[in-house]
N, C-alpha and C. Protein backbone atom coordinates (compact mmCIF):
# COMPACT_ATOMS: atom_id res chain seq x y z
N MET A 1 100.96 108.13 69.73
CA MET A 1 100.27 107.11 68.97
C MET A 1 101.30 106.19 68.34
N THR A 2 101.04 104.92 68.37
CA THR A 2 101.96 103.93 67.83
C THR A 2 101.90 103.92 66.31
N ASP A 3 103.06 103.80 65.70
CA ASP A 3 103.13 103.71 64.24
C ASP A 3 102.50 102.40 63.80
N PRO A 4 101.43 102.44 62.99
CA PRO A 4 100.76 101.21 62.59
C PRO A 4 101.63 100.30 61.74
N ALA A 5 102.70 100.86 61.15
CA ALA A 5 103.59 100.04 60.32
C ALA A 5 104.68 99.36 61.13
N SER A 6 104.83 99.77 62.40
CA SER A 6 105.89 99.18 63.22
C SER A 6 105.50 97.78 63.67
N LEU A 7 106.50 96.94 63.83
CA LEU A 7 106.27 95.57 64.27
C LEU A 7 106.22 95.52 65.79
N PRO A 8 105.29 94.74 66.35
CA PRO A 8 105.26 94.61 67.81
C PRO A 8 106.48 93.85 68.30
N ASN A 9 106.84 94.07 69.57
CA ASN A 9 108.00 93.42 70.17
C ASN A 9 107.56 92.12 70.84
N PHE A 10 107.35 91.08 70.03
CA PHE A 10 106.95 89.79 70.56
C PHE A 10 108.18 88.98 70.93
N PRO A 11 108.09 88.16 71.97
CA PRO A 11 109.22 87.28 72.28
C PRO A 11 109.38 86.25 71.16
N PRO A 12 110.57 85.64 71.07
CA PRO A 12 110.78 84.63 70.02
C PRO A 12 109.83 83.46 70.24
N PRO A 13 109.58 82.68 69.19
CA PRO A 13 108.71 81.52 69.34
C PRO A 13 109.22 80.58 70.43
N ALA A 14 108.29 79.99 71.17
CA ALA A 14 108.66 79.13 72.31
C ALA A 14 109.50 77.94 71.87
N ASP A 15 109.28 77.42 70.66
CA ASP A 15 110.04 76.26 70.22
C ASP A 15 111.48 76.63 69.84
N GLU A 16 111.75 77.94 69.65
CA GLU A 16 113.10 78.38 69.33
C GLU A 16 113.99 78.34 70.58
N HIS A 17 113.46 78.77 71.71
CA HIS A 17 114.15 78.76 73.00
C HIS A 17 113.12 78.34 74.06
N PRO A 18 112.84 77.04 74.18
CA PRO A 18 111.73 76.62 75.03
C PRO A 18 111.88 76.99 76.51
N LEU A 19 113.06 76.84 77.09
CA LEU A 19 113.23 77.19 78.50
C LEU A 19 113.08 78.70 78.68
N ARG A 20 113.72 79.46 77.83
CA ARG A 20 113.62 80.92 77.93
C ARG A 20 112.18 81.38 77.75
N GLY A 21 111.45 80.76 76.84
CA GLY A 21 110.04 81.10 76.65
C GLY A 21 109.21 80.82 77.89
N ARG A 22 109.48 79.70 78.54
CA ARG A 22 108.75 79.37 79.78
C ARG A 22 109.13 80.33 80.90
N VAL A 23 110.42 80.72 80.96
CA VAL A 23 110.88 81.68 81.97
C VAL A 23 110.17 83.02 81.75
N LEU A 24 110.07 83.46 80.51
CA LEU A 24 109.35 84.71 80.21
C LEU A 24 107.91 84.64 80.69
N ASP A 25 107.27 83.49 80.48
CA ASP A 25 105.88 83.32 80.94
C ASP A 25 105.78 83.44 82.46
N VAL A 26 106.71 82.81 83.18
CA VAL A 26 106.70 82.88 84.65
C VAL A 26 106.88 84.32 85.11
N LEU A 27 107.83 85.03 84.52
CA LEU A 27 108.09 86.41 84.92
C LEU A 27 106.93 87.33 84.55
N GLN A 28 106.27 87.07 83.43
CA GLN A 28 105.09 87.86 83.08
C GLN A 28 103.98 87.63 84.10
N ASP A 29 103.82 86.39 84.55
CA ASP A 29 102.83 86.10 85.59
C ASP A 29 103.16 86.81 86.90
N LEU A 30 104.46 87.01 87.16
CA LEU A 30 104.90 87.74 88.36
C LEU A 30 104.81 89.25 88.16
N GLU A 31 104.45 89.67 86.97
CA GLU A 31 104.27 91.09 86.62
C GLU A 31 105.54 91.92 86.83
N VAL A 32 106.68 91.37 86.40
CA VAL A 32 107.94 92.09 86.52
C VAL A 32 108.43 92.62 85.16
N GLN A 33 107.60 92.56 84.15
CA GLN A 33 107.87 93.10 82.82
C GLN A 33 109.22 92.65 82.27
N PRO A 34 109.38 91.37 81.99
CA PRO A 34 110.65 90.87 81.46
C PRO A 34 110.88 91.34 80.03
N ASP A 35 112.15 91.36 79.65
CA ASP A 35 112.55 91.70 78.30
C ASP A 35 113.76 90.82 77.97
N ILE A 36 114.18 90.84 76.73
CA ILE A 36 115.36 90.09 76.31
C ILE A 36 116.42 91.09 75.89
N ASP A 37 117.62 90.99 76.49
CA ASP A 37 118.68 91.94 76.16
C ASP A 37 119.46 91.48 74.93
N ALA A 38 120.46 92.26 74.56
CA ALA A 38 121.25 91.98 73.35
C ALA A 38 122.00 90.65 73.44
N ASP A 39 122.28 90.17 74.65
CA ASP A 39 122.98 88.89 74.83
C ASP A 39 122.03 87.70 74.80
N GLY A 40 120.72 87.96 74.72
CA GLY A 40 119.74 86.88 74.74
C GLY A 40 119.30 86.51 76.14
N ASP A 41 119.77 87.26 77.15
CA ASP A 41 119.36 87.01 78.53
C ASP A 41 118.03 87.69 78.78
N VAL A 42 117.24 87.09 79.67
CA VAL A 42 116.00 87.71 80.10
C VAL A 42 116.38 88.71 81.18
N THR A 43 115.88 89.93 81.07
CA THR A 43 116.17 90.97 82.04
C THR A 43 114.86 91.45 82.66
N PHE A 44 114.92 91.78 83.95
CA PHE A 44 113.72 92.22 84.67
C PHE A 44 114.16 92.92 85.95
N THR A 45 113.22 93.58 86.60
CA THR A 45 113.52 94.32 87.83
C THR A 45 112.62 93.83 88.96
N VAL A 46 113.24 93.54 90.10
CA VAL A 46 112.52 93.14 91.31
C VAL A 46 113.08 93.98 92.46
N ASN A 47 112.19 94.60 93.23
CA ASN A 47 112.61 95.45 94.36
C ASN A 47 113.67 96.46 93.94
N ASP A 48 113.47 97.08 92.81
CA ASP A 48 114.39 98.09 92.26
C ASP A 48 115.77 97.53 91.93
N GLN A 49 115.89 96.22 91.80
CA GLN A 49 117.16 95.58 91.47
C GLN A 49 117.04 94.95 90.08
N ASN A 50 118.02 95.24 89.21
CA ASN A 50 118.03 94.65 87.88
C ASN A 50 118.63 93.25 87.96
N LEU A 51 117.87 92.29 87.49
CA LEU A 51 118.31 90.90 87.49
C LEU A 51 118.22 90.34 86.08
N PHE A 52 118.88 89.21 85.88
CA PHE A 52 118.93 88.57 84.58
C PHE A 52 118.74 87.07 84.76
N ILE A 53 118.22 86.44 83.71
CA ILE A 53 118.17 84.97 83.66
C ILE A 53 118.75 84.54 82.33
N ARG A 54 119.76 83.69 82.41
CA ARG A 54 120.37 83.09 81.21
C ARG A 54 119.94 81.63 81.17
N CYS A 55 119.43 81.23 80.03
CA CYS A 55 118.96 79.86 79.85
C CYS A 55 119.89 79.12 78.90
N HIS A 56 120.47 78.04 79.38
CA HIS A 56 121.29 77.17 78.54
C HIS A 56 120.39 76.05 78.06
N GLU A 57 120.08 76.07 76.77
CA GLU A 57 119.17 75.09 76.19
C GLU A 57 119.96 73.86 75.76
N GLY A 58 119.26 72.80 75.44
CA GLY A 58 119.90 71.58 74.97
C GLY A 58 119.46 70.40 75.80
N GLU A 59 120.19 69.31 75.68
CA GLU A 59 119.84 68.11 76.45
C GLU A 59 119.86 68.40 77.95
N LEU A 60 120.87 69.13 78.37
CA LEU A 60 120.99 69.54 79.77
C LEU A 60 120.63 71.01 79.84
N GLN A 61 119.51 71.32 80.47
CA GLN A 61 119.07 72.70 80.57
C GLN A 61 119.47 73.28 81.93
N ILE A 62 120.08 74.46 81.87
CA ILE A 62 120.50 75.14 83.08
C ILE A 62 119.95 76.56 83.04
N MET A 63 119.38 76.98 84.15
CA MET A 63 118.87 78.34 84.28
C MET A 63 119.73 79.06 85.32
N ARG A 64 120.34 80.16 84.91
CA ARG A 64 121.15 80.97 85.82
C ARG A 64 120.43 82.29 86.07
N ILE A 65 120.18 82.58 87.34
CA ILE A 65 119.61 83.87 87.74
C ILE A 65 120.77 84.65 88.35
N PHE A 66 120.98 85.89 87.87
CA PHE A 66 122.14 86.63 88.33
C PHE A 66 121.92 88.13 88.27
N GLY A 67 122.82 88.84 88.94
CA GLY A 67 122.83 90.30 88.93
C GLY A 67 124.21 90.80 89.26
N GLN A 68 124.40 92.12 89.09
CA GLN A 68 125.68 92.75 89.37
C GLN A 68 125.43 94.04 90.13
N TRP A 69 126.31 94.31 91.10
CA TRP A 69 126.18 95.49 91.94
C TRP A 69 127.55 96.13 92.11
N GLN A 70 127.60 97.47 92.08
CA GLN A 70 128.85 98.17 92.35
C GLN A 70 129.23 97.97 93.81
N LEU A 71 130.52 97.86 94.05
CA LEU A 71 131.00 97.73 95.42
C LEU A 71 130.72 99.02 96.18
N PRO A 72 130.40 98.91 97.48
CA PRO A 72 130.19 100.12 98.28
C PRO A 72 131.48 100.94 98.34
N GLU A 73 131.32 102.24 98.47
CA GLU A 73 132.48 103.14 98.54
C GLU A 73 133.45 102.75 99.64
N GLN A 74 132.91 102.23 100.77
CA GLN A 74 133.77 101.86 101.90
C GLN A 74 134.76 100.75 101.52
N LEU A 75 134.47 100.01 100.44
CA LEU A 75 135.34 98.89 100.07
C LEU A 75 136.20 99.18 98.85
N ILE A 76 136.10 100.38 98.31
CA ILE A 76 136.96 100.73 97.17
C ILE A 76 138.41 100.68 97.63
N GLY A 77 139.23 99.95 96.91
CA GLY A 77 140.63 99.79 97.29
C GLY A 77 140.86 98.67 98.29
N GLN A 78 139.80 98.01 98.72
CA GLN A 78 139.92 96.91 99.67
C GLN A 78 139.41 95.61 99.03
N GLU A 79 139.99 95.30 97.88
CA GLU A 79 139.54 94.13 97.13
C GLU A 79 139.71 92.83 97.92
N THR A 80 140.73 92.78 98.75
CA THR A 80 140.95 91.56 99.54
C THR A 80 139.77 91.30 100.46
N LYS A 81 139.27 92.33 101.13
CA LYS A 81 138.12 92.19 102.02
C LYS A 81 136.89 91.72 101.22
N ALA A 82 136.68 92.32 100.05
CA ALA A 82 135.55 91.95 99.21
C ALA A 82 135.66 90.49 98.76
N LEU A 83 136.86 90.10 98.35
CA LEU A 83 137.07 88.71 97.90
C LEU A 83 136.96 87.72 99.05
N GLU A 84 137.45 88.10 100.23
CA GLU A 84 137.32 87.22 101.40
C GLU A 84 135.85 87.00 101.74
N THR A 85 135.04 88.04 101.61
CA THR A 85 133.61 87.90 101.88
C THR A 85 132.98 86.96 100.85
N CYS A 86 133.36 87.11 99.59
CA CYS A 86 132.86 86.20 98.55
C CYS A 86 133.24 84.76 98.88
N ASN A 87 134.50 84.56 99.24
CA ASN A 87 134.97 83.21 99.55
C ASN A 87 134.19 82.61 100.72
N GLU A 88 133.99 83.41 101.76
CA GLU A 88 133.24 82.93 102.93
C GLU A 88 131.83 82.49 102.53
N LEU A 89 131.15 83.31 101.73
CA LEU A 89 129.79 82.96 101.33
C LEU A 89 129.77 81.76 100.39
N ASN A 90 130.74 81.69 99.47
CA ASN A 90 130.80 80.55 98.55
C ASN A 90 131.01 79.23 99.29
N LEU A 91 131.75 79.28 100.40
CA LEU A 91 131.99 78.08 101.19
C LEU A 91 130.82 77.75 102.12
N THR A 92 129.99 78.74 102.41
CA THR A 92 128.89 78.59 103.36
C THR A 92 127.56 78.26 102.70
N LEU A 93 127.26 78.93 101.60
CA LEU A 93 125.94 78.82 100.98
C LEU A 93 125.91 77.76 99.89
N ASN A 94 124.76 77.15 99.74
CA ASN A 94 124.53 76.20 98.65
C ASN A 94 123.84 76.93 97.50
N CYS A 95 124.10 76.52 96.30
CA CYS A 95 123.40 76.98 95.09
C CYS A 95 123.72 78.40 94.66
N VAL A 96 124.43 79.19 95.44
CA VAL A 96 124.71 80.58 95.09
C VAL A 96 126.22 80.77 95.04
N LYS A 97 126.65 81.55 94.06
CA LYS A 97 128.08 81.88 94.02
C LYS A 97 128.23 83.37 93.86
N THR A 98 129.33 83.88 94.42
CA THR A 98 129.62 85.31 94.39
C THR A 98 131.02 85.51 93.84
N GLY A 99 131.24 86.67 93.25
CA GLY A 99 132.56 86.99 92.73
C GLY A 99 132.71 88.49 92.56
N ILE A 100 133.94 88.94 92.40
CA ILE A 100 134.25 90.35 92.22
C ILE A 100 134.98 90.49 90.89
N GLY A 101 134.57 91.49 90.11
CA GLY A 101 135.26 91.79 88.86
C GLY A 101 135.04 93.25 88.50
N ASN A 102 136.13 93.96 88.25
CA ASN A 102 136.07 95.37 87.85
C ASN A 102 135.23 96.22 88.79
N GLY A 103 135.42 96.04 90.09
CA GLY A 103 134.69 96.84 91.07
C GLY A 103 133.22 96.50 91.19
N THR A 104 132.87 95.30 90.76
CA THR A 104 131.47 94.89 90.74
C THR A 104 131.31 93.55 91.45
N LEU A 105 130.29 93.46 92.28
CA LEU A 105 129.90 92.20 92.92
C LEU A 105 128.94 91.49 91.98
N ALA A 106 129.23 90.25 91.66
CA ALA A 106 128.33 89.43 90.84
C ALA A 106 127.82 88.29 91.72
N VAL A 107 126.51 88.07 91.67
CA VAL A 107 125.89 86.99 92.43
C VAL A 107 125.03 86.18 91.46
N ALA A 108 125.19 84.86 91.48
CA ALA A 108 124.45 83.99 90.57
C ALA A 108 123.93 82.76 91.30
N CYS A 109 122.82 82.26 90.82
CA CYS A 109 122.20 81.05 91.33
C CYS A 109 121.87 80.17 90.14
N ASP A 110 122.41 78.96 90.10
CA ASP A 110 122.18 78.06 88.97
C ASP A 110 121.20 76.96 89.35
N HIS A 111 120.33 76.64 88.40
CA HIS A 111 119.35 75.56 88.58
C HIS A 111 119.46 74.59 87.42
N LEU A 112 119.62 73.32 87.71
CA LEU A 112 119.58 72.28 86.70
C LEU A 112 118.11 71.96 86.46
N MET A 113 117.63 72.18 85.25
CA MET A 113 116.21 72.06 84.95
C MET A 113 115.90 70.67 84.39
N THR A 114 115.75 69.71 85.28
CA THR A 114 115.42 68.35 84.89
C THR A 114 113.90 68.19 84.79
N ALA A 115 113.46 67.10 84.21
CA ALA A 115 112.03 66.84 84.08
C ALA A 115 111.38 66.86 85.46
N GLY A 116 110.26 67.51 85.56
CA GLY A 116 109.52 67.55 86.81
C GLY A 116 109.86 68.72 87.72
N VAL A 117 110.88 69.51 87.38
CA VAL A 117 111.21 70.67 88.20
C VAL A 117 110.12 71.72 88.02
N ASP A 118 109.66 72.29 89.11
CA ASP A 118 108.65 73.34 89.08
C ASP A 118 109.36 74.65 88.72
N LEU A 119 109.23 75.07 87.47
CA LEU A 119 109.94 76.26 86.99
C LEU A 119 109.51 77.51 87.75
N ASP A 120 108.23 77.65 88.00
CA ASP A 120 107.73 78.82 88.74
C ASP A 120 108.42 78.92 90.10
N ALA A 121 108.48 77.82 90.83
CA ALA A 121 109.13 77.81 92.14
C ALA A 121 110.63 78.06 92.00
N ALA A 122 111.27 77.46 91.01
CA ALA A 122 112.71 77.63 90.82
C ALA A 122 113.06 79.08 90.54
N VAL A 123 112.26 79.76 89.71
CA VAL A 123 112.51 81.17 89.41
C VAL A 123 112.34 82.01 90.67
N GLN A 124 111.27 81.82 91.40
CA GLN A 124 111.02 82.62 92.59
C GLN A 124 112.07 82.36 93.68
N ILE A 125 112.43 81.11 93.87
CA ILE A 125 113.47 80.78 94.86
C ILE A 125 114.81 81.37 94.43
N GLY A 126 115.14 81.25 93.15
CA GLY A 126 116.41 81.79 92.66
C GLY A 126 116.50 83.29 92.84
N ILE A 127 115.42 84.00 92.54
CA ILE A 127 115.40 85.45 92.73
C ILE A 127 115.67 85.79 94.18
N GLN A 128 114.98 85.11 95.10
CA GLN A 128 115.16 85.40 96.52
C GLN A 128 116.55 85.02 97.01
N LEU A 129 117.11 83.92 96.48
CA LEU A 129 118.47 83.54 96.87
C LEU A 129 119.48 84.60 96.44
N VAL A 130 119.35 85.10 95.22
CA VAL A 130 120.28 86.12 94.74
C VAL A 130 120.15 87.40 95.57
N LEU A 131 118.93 87.88 95.75
CA LEU A 131 118.74 89.13 96.49
C LEU A 131 119.15 88.99 97.95
N SER A 132 118.87 87.86 98.57
CA SER A 132 119.27 87.63 99.97
C SER A 132 120.79 87.55 100.09
N THR A 133 121.42 86.92 99.12
CA THR A 133 122.88 86.80 99.16
C THR A 133 123.54 88.16 99.00
N VAL A 134 123.00 89.01 98.14
CA VAL A 134 123.54 90.37 97.99
C VAL A 134 123.46 91.10 99.32
N SER A 135 122.31 91.02 99.97
CA SER A 135 122.14 91.67 101.26
C SER A 135 123.11 91.10 102.29
N PHE A 136 123.21 89.78 102.35
CA PHE A 136 124.10 89.11 103.29
C PHE A 136 125.55 89.48 103.01
N TRP A 137 125.93 89.55 101.73
CA TRP A 137 127.29 89.92 101.36
C TRP A 137 127.62 91.32 101.91
N HIS A 138 126.71 92.27 101.70
CA HIS A 138 126.95 93.63 102.19
C HIS A 138 127.06 93.67 103.72
N GLN A 139 126.21 92.91 104.40
CA GLN A 139 126.30 92.86 105.87
C GLN A 139 127.66 92.36 106.30
N ARG A 140 128.09 91.25 105.71
CA ARG A 140 129.38 90.64 106.10
C ARG A 140 130.55 91.54 105.74
N ALA A 141 130.55 92.08 104.53
CA ALA A 141 131.67 92.88 104.05
C ALA A 141 131.80 94.19 104.82
N LEU A 142 130.68 94.75 105.23
CA LEU A 142 130.70 96.04 105.93
C LEU A 142 130.61 95.90 107.44
N GLY A 143 130.54 94.65 107.95
CA GLY A 143 130.50 94.42 109.39
C GLY A 143 129.22 94.91 110.02
N LEU A 144 128.08 94.63 109.38
CA LEU A 144 126.78 95.07 109.88
C LEU A 144 125.93 93.89 110.33
N ASP A 145 125.01 94.15 111.25
CA ASP A 145 124.05 93.11 111.61
C ASP A 145 122.87 93.17 110.65
N GLU A 146 121.87 92.33 110.87
CA GLU A 146 120.72 92.25 109.95
C GLU A 146 119.91 93.55 109.89
N ASN A 147 120.08 94.43 110.87
CA ASN A 147 119.39 95.72 110.88
C ASN A 147 120.24 96.86 110.33
N GLY A 148 121.46 96.53 109.87
CA GLY A 148 122.33 97.56 109.32
C GLY A 148 123.18 98.29 110.33
N ASN A 149 123.21 97.77 111.57
CA ASN A 149 124.02 98.40 112.62
C ASN A 149 125.40 97.74 112.67
N PRO A 150 126.45 98.51 112.96
CA PRO A 150 127.79 97.92 113.06
C PRO A 150 127.84 96.89 114.19
N VAL A 151 128.52 95.79 113.93
CA VAL A 151 128.75 94.79 114.98
C VAL A 151 130.13 95.06 115.56
N ASP A 152 130.41 94.51 116.73
CA ASP A 152 131.70 94.74 117.40
C ASP A 152 132.86 94.39 116.46
N GLY A 153 133.72 95.35 116.28
CA GLY A 153 134.90 95.13 115.44
C GLY A 153 134.56 95.02 113.98
N GLY A 154 133.31 95.32 113.61
CA GLY A 154 132.89 95.17 112.22
C GLY A 154 133.37 96.28 111.34
N GLY A 155 133.06 96.13 110.10
CA GLY A 155 133.41 97.13 109.12
C GLY A 155 134.68 96.77 108.40
N PRO A 156 134.90 97.41 107.29
CA PRO A 156 136.11 97.13 106.51
C PRO A 156 137.37 97.50 107.29
N ALA A 157 138.40 96.73 107.08
CA ALA A 157 139.67 96.97 107.77
C ALA A 157 140.44 98.09 107.12
């Protein structure tokens, strides 16, 4: 039973962080149970993957959708291979960036939120871009095809 004296966990007022408030609304409509972490980022889970959205408020509003993943065991000690894969994807893909730090793959997608941008579409597209890039990164880094099978000469060196 809930303590009647406890305060409910309501999100901050929309006028305090308008973009973040709208992002929370979109994620609630997607039924992914968003929350706000200690850094002020929106956190949620899609396909068993923890993702975050950071909203930069102000005259220029930017929405960053991002996540972090541990490097596969096959790449431990092979930071060059991991970084080369990041570089390849950064040069190939638009709107998504990848990086390695402390044994972790970070993938982010930034959206400039100008007037008229469909926030619902931007959030959904950003989520799919991040998750697809993570999958693509693992395929490239581990030398796998889209079905997870090794390609000729594939795999970490």
